[in-house]
Amino acid sequence: MKETKIHFVCTGNTFRSRLAKAYFDYLKINGVKTSSSGIRANKNFDGTICWYTQKLIDENNLIEFVEPTWTQTSPKILSRADYIIFMQTHHLKDCQRDYGYKLTNYEIWEINDMSENKCKDSERIQESRELFEKIKSKVGQLAKKLSK
């Protein structure tokens, strides 16, 4: 049986796509291999993962499923995937413009990044949990579709 390669794309690969990959791997769907990257990951000068992402990883027992650092999106990475999940429309458009991505093997989930106007840690934690619930729902739908 051929292994299906799913790739998740967001901006920095420090929050959404890393969590989607980790949660998908946590579900242990046979015959599926996952990866993730960020279209601007090479601009991550503040570290390998957001602190609120790490908090969610710890709270949800995902540590064994998380890659140790971010990955920059590239044409080679995109070409290796059987199916790509773009967290927002602009990620697809950026890949089309910057990498010549022309395939139709994708979904767009429209899961926004964290708001920049959240100043308090408690607000960031709450928003990150809400976004993670959306990610988990979408991952669950995708896993169900692939299990058929």
N, C-alpha and C. Protein backbone atom coordinates (compact mmCIF):
# COMPACT_ATOMS: atom_id res chain seq x y z
N MET A 1 0.84 -1.19 0.00
CA MET A 1 0.00 0.00 0.00
C MET A 1 0.88 1.25 0.00
N LYS A 2 0.59 2.19 -0.87
CA LYS A 2 1.36 3.43 -0.98
C LYS A 2 1.07 4.34 0.20
N GLU A 3 2.13 4.93 0.72
CA GLU A 3 2.00 5.88 1.82
C GLU A 3 1.56 7.23 1.26
N THR A 4 0.57 7.87 1.88
CA THR A 4 0.11 9.19 1.49
C THR A 4 0.90 10.23 2.27
N LYS A 5 1.44 11.22 1.55
CA LYS A 5 2.25 12.27 2.18
C LYS A 5 1.43 13.55 2.26
N ILE A 6 1.14 13.96 3.48
CA ILE A 6 0.39 15.19 3.74
C ILE A 6 1.37 16.24 4.23
N HIS A 7 1.25 17.46 3.69
CA HIS A 7 2.13 18.55 4.11
C HIS A 7 1.29 19.75 4.53
N PHE A 8 1.60 20.32 5.69
CA PHE A 8 0.90 21.47 6.24
C PHE A 8 1.76 22.72 6.07
N VAL A 9 1.16 23.82 5.59
CA VAL A 9 1.90 25.05 5.34
C VAL A 9 1.24 26.22 6.08
N CYS A 10 2.06 26.99 6.80
CA CYS A 10 1.59 28.24 7.40
C CYS A 10 2.67 29.29 7.17
N THR A 11 2.74 30.29 8.01
CA THR A 11 3.69 31.38 7.79
C THR A 11 5.08 31.07 8.33
N GLY A 12 5.18 30.84 9.64
CA GLY A 12 6.49 30.66 10.26
C GLY A 12 6.85 29.25 10.66
N ASN A 13 5.89 28.34 10.60
CA ASN A 13 6.09 26.96 11.04
C ASN A 13 6.46 26.90 12.52
N THR A 14 5.86 27.83 13.28
CA THR A 14 6.09 27.84 14.73
C THR A 14 4.80 27.66 15.52
N PHE A 15 3.66 27.56 14.82
CA PHE A 15 2.38 27.42 15.52
C PHE A 15 1.42 26.50 14.76
N ARG A 16 0.69 26.99 13.78
CA ARG A 16 -0.41 26.24 13.17
C ARG A 16 0.01 24.97 12.46
N SER A 17 0.92 25.06 11.50
CA SER A 17 1.27 23.86 10.74
C SER A 17 2.00 22.83 11.60
N ARG A 18 2.80 23.30 12.56
CA ARG A 18 3.49 22.36 13.45
C ARG A 18 2.49 21.63 14.34
N LEU A 19 1.48 22.36 14.84
CA LEU A 19 0.45 21.71 15.66
C LEU A 19 -0.40 20.75 14.83
N ALA A 20 -0.74 21.15 13.60
CA ALA A 20 -1.55 20.26 12.75
C ALA A 20 -0.80 18.97 12.47
N LYS A 21 0.47 19.05 12.15
CA LYS A 21 1.28 17.87 11.90
C LYS A 21 1.37 17.01 13.16
N ALA A 22 1.67 17.63 14.28
CA ALA A 22 1.81 16.89 15.54
C ALA A 22 0.51 16.19 15.92
N TYR A 23 -0.61 16.90 15.80
CA TYR A 23 -1.89 16.30 16.16
C TYR A 23 -2.27 15.17 15.20
N PHE A 24 -2.01 15.37 13.91
CA PHE A 24 -2.29 14.30 12.95
C PHE A 24 -1.46 13.05 13.29
N ASP A 25 -0.19 13.24 13.59
CA ASP A 25 0.67 12.11 13.95
C ASP A 25 0.21 11.45 15.24
N TYR A 26 -0.29 12.24 16.17
CA TYR A 26 -0.83 11.74 17.43
C TYR A 26 -1.99 10.77 17.19
N LEU A 27 -2.78 11.04 16.15
CA LEU A 27 -3.92 10.17 15.82
C LEU A 27 -3.49 8.82 15.24
N LYS A 28 -2.26 8.72 14.79
CA LYS A 28 -1.67 7.47 14.29
C LYS A 28 -2.52 6.82 13.19
N ILE A 29 -2.67 7.55 12.11
CA ILE A 29 -3.40 7.05 10.94
C ILE A 29 -2.43 6.24 10.09
N ASN A 30 -2.74 4.98 9.89
CA ASN A 30 -1.86 4.11 9.09
C ASN A 30 -1.78 4.59 7.65
N GLY A 31 -0.57 4.47 7.09
CA GLY A 31 -0.37 4.77 5.68
C GLY A 31 -0.25 6.24 5.36
N VAL A 32 -0.08 7.09 6.38
CA VAL A 32 0.04 8.53 6.15
C VAL A 32 1.32 9.03 6.81
N LYS A 33 2.07 9.81 6.06
CA LYS A 33 3.27 10.46 6.58
C LYS A 33 3.04 11.96 6.47
N THR A 34 3.37 12.70 7.53
CA THR A 34 3.12 14.14 7.52
C THR A 34 4.41 14.93 7.61
N SER A 35 4.32 16.19 7.19
CA SER A 35 5.41 17.15 7.32
C SER A 35 4.77 18.53 7.38
N SER A 36 5.58 19.53 7.74
CA SER A 36 5.06 20.89 7.80
C SER A 36 6.18 21.87 7.49
N SER A 37 5.77 23.07 7.07
CA SER A 37 6.74 24.13 6.78
C SER A 37 6.06 25.47 6.86
N GLY A 38 6.88 26.52 6.78
CA GLY A 38 6.37 27.88 6.78
C GLY A 38 6.94 28.67 5.62
N ILE A 39 6.10 29.47 4.98
CA ILE A 39 6.53 30.24 3.82
C ILE A 39 7.53 31.34 4.19
N ARG A 40 7.55 31.72 5.46
CA ARG A 40 8.50 32.72 5.93
C ARG A 40 9.27 32.22 7.16
N ALA A 41 9.44 30.93 7.25
CA ALA A 41 10.12 30.34 8.41
C ALA A 41 11.55 30.85 8.55
N ASN A 42 12.18 31.14 7.45
CA ASN A 42 13.56 31.62 7.52
C ASN A 42 13.67 33.02 8.13
N LYS A 43 12.54 33.64 8.44
CA LYS A 43 12.51 34.94 9.13
C LYS A 43 12.28 34.78 10.63
N ASN A 44 12.25 33.54 11.13
CA ASN A 44 12.01 33.29 12.56
C ASN A 44 13.29 33.56 13.35
N PHE A 45 13.43 34.77 13.79
CA PHE A 45 14.63 35.13 14.53
C PHE A 45 14.43 34.98 16.03
N ASP A 46 13.19 34.67 16.46
CA ASP A 46 12.89 34.57 17.88
C ASP A 46 12.89 33.14 18.42
N GLY A 47 13.29 32.18 17.62
CA GLY A 47 13.34 30.82 18.12
C GLY A 47 12.65 29.83 17.22
N THR A 48 12.62 28.60 17.70
CA THR A 48 12.13 27.50 16.87
C THR A 48 10.64 27.24 17.00
N ILE A 49 10.02 27.75 18.07
CA ILE A 49 8.59 27.51 18.27
C ILE A 49 8.04 28.60 19.19
N CYS A 50 6.78 28.96 19.02
CA CYS A 50 6.16 29.96 19.89
C CYS A 50 5.93 29.37 21.28
N TRP A 51 6.03 30.19 22.28
CA TRP A 51 5.87 29.71 23.65
C TRP A 51 4.47 29.14 23.88
N TYR A 52 3.45 29.74 23.26
CA TYR A 52 2.09 29.24 23.45
C TYR A 52 1.88 27.93 22.69
N THR A 53 2.63 27.72 21.62
CA THR A 53 2.59 26.43 20.93
C THR A 53 3.16 25.36 21.84
N GLN A 54 4.29 25.65 22.46
CA GLN A 54 4.91 24.71 23.39
C GLN A 54 3.96 24.37 24.53
N LYS A 55 3.24 25.35 25.02
CA LYS A 55 2.27 25.12 26.10
C LYS A 55 1.19 24.14 25.64
N LEU A 56 0.67 24.32 24.43
CA LEU A 56 -0.34 23.41 23.89
C LEU A 56 0.23 22.00 23.68
N ILE A 57 1.45 21.93 23.22
CA ILE A 57 2.11 20.63 23.04
C ILE A 57 2.20 19.90 24.36
N ASP A 58 2.61 20.61 25.39
CA ASP A 58 2.72 20.00 26.71
C ASP A 58 1.35 19.58 27.25
N GLU A 59 0.36 20.45 27.13
CA GLU A 59 -0.99 20.18 27.65
C GLU A 59 -1.65 19.00 26.95
N ASN A 60 -1.30 18.77 25.69
CA ASN A 60 -1.97 17.73 24.89
C ASN A 60 -1.11 16.51 24.62
N ASN A 61 0.01 16.39 25.35
CA ASN A 61 0.90 15.22 25.24
C ASN A 61 1.36 14.97 23.80
N LEU A 62 1.78 16.04 23.13
CA LEU A 62 2.18 15.94 21.73
C LEU A 62 3.70 16.00 21.53
N ILE A 63 4.46 16.06 22.60
CA ILE A 63 5.90 16.30 22.49
C ILE A 63 6.60 15.31 21.56
N GLU A 64 6.22 14.04 21.60
CA GLU A 64 6.89 13.06 20.75
C GLU A 64 6.55 13.20 19.27
N PHE A 65 5.57 14.04 18.95
CA PHE A 65 5.12 14.19 17.57
C PHE A 65 5.55 15.51 16.93
N VAL A 66 6.31 16.31 17.65
CA VAL A 66 6.70 17.64 17.18
C VAL A 66 8.13 17.63 16.67
N GLU A 67 8.32 18.21 15.49
CA GLU A 67 9.66 18.35 14.95
C GLU A 67 10.45 19.34 15.81
N PRO A 68 11.77 19.16 15.93
CA PRO A 68 12.55 20.00 16.84
C PRO A 68 12.74 21.45 16.38
N THR A 69 12.54 21.74 15.12
CA THR A 69 12.72 23.10 14.63
C THR A 69 11.80 23.36 13.44
N TRP A 70 11.75 24.61 13.04
CA TRP A 70 10.92 24.98 11.90
C TRP A 70 11.59 24.57 10.59
N THR A 71 10.76 24.50 9.54
CA THR A 71 11.23 24.17 8.20
C THR A 71 10.73 25.24 7.23
N GLN A 72 11.61 25.71 6.37
CA GLN A 72 11.25 26.68 5.34
C GLN A 72 10.58 25.95 4.17
N THR A 73 9.43 26.46 3.72
CA THR A 73 8.76 25.90 2.54
C THR A 73 9.68 26.06 1.33
N SER A 74 9.64 25.08 0.45
CA SER A 74 10.44 25.12 -0.78
C SER A 74 9.71 24.36 -1.89
N PRO A 75 10.08 24.60 -3.12
CA PRO A 75 9.46 23.85 -4.22
C PRO A 75 9.65 22.35 -4.07
N LYS A 76 10.80 21.93 -3.60
CA LYS A 76 11.08 20.50 -3.41
C LYS A 76 10.13 19.88 -2.39
N ILE A 77 9.93 20.57 -1.28
CA ILE A 77 9.01 20.07 -0.25
C ILE A 77 7.60 19.95 -0.81
N LEU A 78 7.14 20.98 -1.52
CA LEU A 78 5.79 20.97 -2.08
C LEU A 78 5.62 19.85 -3.10
N SER A 79 6.65 19.60 -3.89
CA SER A 79 6.55 18.58 -4.94
C SER A 79 6.51 17.16 -4.38
N ARG A 80 7.00 16.97 -3.19
CA ARG A 80 7.01 15.63 -2.58
C ARG A 80 5.68 15.24 -1.96
N ALA A 81 4.81 16.22 -1.71
CA ALA A 81 3.55 15.95 -1.02
C ALA A 81 2.48 15.44 -1.97
N ASP A 82 1.69 14.49 -1.49
CA ASP A 82 0.52 14.03 -2.24
C ASP A 82 -0.64 15.00 -2.04
N TYR A 83 -0.66 15.64 -0.88
CA TYR A 83 -1.75 16.55 -0.54
C TYR A 83 -1.21 17.63 0.38
N ILE A 84 -1.58 18.88 0.13
CA ILE A 84 -1.07 20.00 0.91
C ILE A 84 -2.23 20.73 1.57
N ILE A 85 -2.01 21.08 2.84
CA ILE A 85 -2.97 21.89 3.58
C ILE A 85 -2.35 23.26 3.80
N PHE A 86 -2.99 24.28 3.22
CA PHE A 86 -2.56 25.65 3.44
C PHE A 86 -3.45 26.23 4.54
N MET A 87 -2.85 26.83 5.54
CA MET A 87 -3.64 27.37 6.65
C MET A 87 -4.48 28.57 6.23
N GLN A 88 -4.01 29.34 5.23
CA GLN A 88 -4.78 30.46 4.73
C GLN A 88 -4.54 30.61 3.22
N THR A 89 -5.46 31.30 2.55
CA THR A 89 -5.37 31.51 1.12
C THR A 89 -4.05 32.15 0.71
N HIS A 90 -3.58 33.11 1.51
CA HIS A 90 -2.35 33.80 1.12
C HIS A 90 -1.15 32.87 1.11
N HIS A 91 -1.19 31.77 1.86
CA HIS A 91 -0.08 30.80 1.81
C HIS A 91 -0.05 30.11 0.44
N LEU A 92 -1.21 29.75 -0.07
CA LEU A 92 -1.28 29.18 -1.42
C LEU A 92 -0.78 30.19 -2.45
N LYS A 93 -1.28 31.41 -2.38
CA LYS A 93 -0.89 32.44 -3.35
C LYS A 93 0.62 32.71 -3.31
N ASP A 94 1.18 32.73 -2.10
CA ASP A 94 2.63 32.93 -1.97
C ASP A 94 3.40 31.77 -2.61
N CYS A 95 2.92 30.56 -2.42
CA CYS A 95 3.59 29.38 -3.01
C CYS A 95 3.46 29.39 -4.53
N GLN A 96 2.31 29.84 -5.02
CA GLN A 96 2.14 29.94 -6.46
C GLN A 96 3.10 30.99 -7.04
N ARG A 97 3.19 32.12 -6.38
CA ARG A 97 4.05 33.22 -6.86
C ARG A 97 5.54 32.90 -6.67
N ASP A 98 5.91 32.47 -5.47
CA ASP A 98 7.33 32.31 -5.13
C ASP A 98 7.94 30.99 -5.59
N TYR A 99 7.12 29.95 -5.69
CA TYR A 99 7.66 28.61 -6.00
C TYR A 99 7.06 27.99 -7.25
N GLY A 100 6.19 28.71 -7.92
CA GLY A 100 5.59 28.18 -9.13
C GLY A 100 4.64 27.02 -8.88
N TYR A 101 4.08 26.95 -7.68
CA TYR A 101 3.16 25.85 -7.35
C TYR A 101 1.91 25.97 -8.21
N LYS A 102 1.61 24.90 -8.97
CA LYS A 102 0.47 24.94 -9.90
C LYS A 102 -0.50 23.77 -9.72
N LEU A 103 -0.21 22.88 -8.79
CA LEU A 103 -1.03 21.69 -8.64
C LEU A 103 -2.35 22.01 -7.94
N THR A 104 -3.25 21.04 -7.97
CA THR A 104 -4.56 21.22 -7.34
C THR A 104 -4.77 20.25 -6.19
N ASN A 105 -3.69 19.68 -5.70
CA ASN A 105 -3.77 18.68 -4.62
C ASN A 105 -3.70 19.36 -3.25
N TYR A 106 -4.66 20.26 -2.97
CA TYR A 106 -4.59 21.01 -1.72
C TYR A 106 -5.97 21.34 -1.17
N GLU A 107 -5.95 21.74 0.10
CA GLU A 107 -7.10 22.33 0.78
C GLU A 107 -6.61 23.62 1.43
N ILE A 108 -7.52 24.55 1.60
CA ILE A 108 -7.24 25.76 2.36
C ILE A 108 -8.17 25.74 3.57
N TRP A 109 -7.60 25.81 4.76
CA TRP A 109 -8.41 25.71 5.97
C TRP A 109 -8.86 27.06 6.52
N GLU A 110 -8.25 28.15 6.11
CA GLU A 110 -8.59 29.49 6.60
C GLU A 110 -8.57 29.56 8.13
N ILE A 111 -7.50 29.08 8.69
CA ILE A 111 -7.26 29.20 10.14
C ILE A 111 -6.26 30.35 10.31
N ASN A 112 -6.75 31.44 10.89
CA ASN A 112 -5.93 32.62 11.06
C ASN A 112 -4.78 32.39 12.03
N ASP A 113 -3.77 33.23 11.89
CA ASP A 113 -2.66 33.22 12.82
C ASP A 113 -3.11 33.95 14.09
N MET A 114 -2.27 33.93 15.09
CA MET A 114 -2.57 34.63 16.33
C MET A 114 -2.71 36.12 16.07
N SER A 115 -3.60 36.78 16.79
CA SER A 115 -3.79 38.22 16.67
C SER A 115 -2.57 38.94 17.24
N GLU A 116 -2.20 40.00 16.60
CA GLU A 116 -1.06 40.79 17.08
C GLU A 116 -1.45 41.70 18.24
N ASN A 117 -2.74 41.94 18.42
CA ASN A 117 -3.17 42.90 19.44
C ASN A 117 -3.39 42.27 20.83
N LYS A 118 -3.09 41.01 21.00
CA LYS A 118 -3.22 40.38 22.31
C LYS A 118 -1.95 40.66 23.10
N CYS A 119 -2.09 41.41 24.18
CA CYS A 119 -0.92 41.80 24.97
C CYS A 119 -0.70 40.90 26.17
N LYS A 120 -1.77 40.48 26.79
CA LYS A 120 -1.65 39.67 28.00
C LYS A 120 -1.41 38.21 27.63
N ASP A 121 -0.57 37.55 28.41
CA ASP A 121 -0.32 36.12 28.18
C ASP A 121 -1.60 35.30 28.25
N SER A 122 -2.49 35.65 29.18
CA SER A 122 -3.74 34.91 29.32
C SER A 122 -4.59 35.00 28.05
N GLU A 123 -4.57 36.16 27.38
CA GLU A 123 -5.32 36.32 26.13
C GLU A 123 -4.69 35.48 25.03
N ARG A 124 -3.37 35.46 24.96
CA ARG A 124 -2.67 34.65 23.95
C ARG A 124 -2.94 33.17 24.17
N ILE A 125 -2.93 32.74 25.41
CA ILE A 125 -3.20 31.33 25.72
C ILE A 125 -4.61 30.96 25.29
N GLN A 126 -5.58 31.82 25.63
CA GLN A 126 -6.97 31.55 25.27
C GLN A 126 -7.14 31.48 23.75
N GLU A 127 -6.57 32.45 23.04
CA GLU A 127 -6.70 32.45 21.58
C GLU A 127 -6.00 31.24 20.96
N SER A 128 -4.84 30.89 21.47
CA SER A 128 -4.12 29.73 20.92
C SER A 128 -4.92 28.45 21.14
N ARG A 129 -5.57 28.33 22.28
CA ARG A 129 -6.42 27.15 22.53
C ARG A 129 -7.60 27.10 21.57
N GLU A 130 -8.21 28.24 21.30
CA GLU A 130 -9.34 28.30 20.36
C GLU A 130 -8.90 27.92 18.95
N LEU A 131 -7.76 28.44 18.54
CA LEU A 131 -7.25 28.10 17.21
C LEU A 131 -6.87 26.62 17.13
N PHE A 132 -6.32 26.10 18.20
CA PHE A 132 -5.95 24.68 18.21
C PHE A 132 -7.20 23.80 18.11
N GLU A 133 -8.29 24.21 18.71
CA GLU A 133 -9.54 23.45 18.58
C GLU A 133 -9.99 23.42 17.11
N LYS A 134 -9.83 24.51 16.39
CA LYS A 134 -10.15 24.53 14.96
C LYS A 134 -9.22 23.60 14.19
N ILE A 135 -7.94 23.65 14.53
CA ILE A 135 -6.97 22.76 13.87
C ILE A 135 -7.33 21.31 14.14
N LYS A 136 -7.63 20.96 15.37
CA LYS A 136 -7.98 19.58 15.70
C LYS A 136 -9.22 19.12 14.95
N SER A 137 -10.20 19.99 14.82
CA SER A 137 -11.41 19.65 14.08
C SER A 137 -11.10 19.37 12.61
N LYS A 138 -10.32 20.25 11.99
CA LYS A 138 -9.95 20.06 10.58
C LYS A 138 -9.09 18.81 10.39
N VAL A 139 -8.14 18.58 11.29
CA VAL A 139 -7.30 17.37 11.22
C VAL A 139 -8.18 16.14 11.35
N GLY A 140 -9.14 16.16 12.26
CA GLY A 140 -10.04 15.03 12.43
C GLY A 140 -10.84 14.74 11.17
N GLN A 141 -11.32 15.80 10.51
CA GLN A 141 -12.06 15.63 9.25
C GLN A 141 -11.17 15.04 8.17
N LEU A 142 -9.93 15.53 8.10
CA LEU A 142 -9.00 15.03 7.10
C LEU A 142 -8.65 13.56 7.38
N ALA A 143 -8.40 13.23 8.63
CA ALA A 143 -8.08 11.86 9.00
C ALA A 143 -9.23 10.91 8.65
N LYS A 144 -10.44 11.36 8.90
CA LYS A 144 -11.63 10.55 8.58
C LYS A 144 -11.72 10.32 7.08
N LYS A 145 -11.47 11.37 6.29
CA LYS A 145 -11.51 11.26 4.84
C LYS A 145 -10.45 10.30 4.33
N LEU A 146 -9.25 10.34 4.90
CA LEU A 146 -8.17 9.48 4.47
C LEU A 146 -8.34 8.03 4.92
N SER A 147 -9.11 7.82 5.97
CA SER A 147 -9.32 6.48 6.50
C SER A 147 -10.32 5.67 5.68
N LYS A 148 -11.07 6.33 4.80
CA LYS A 148 -12.09 5.64 4.00
C LYS A 148 -11.47 4.81 2.92
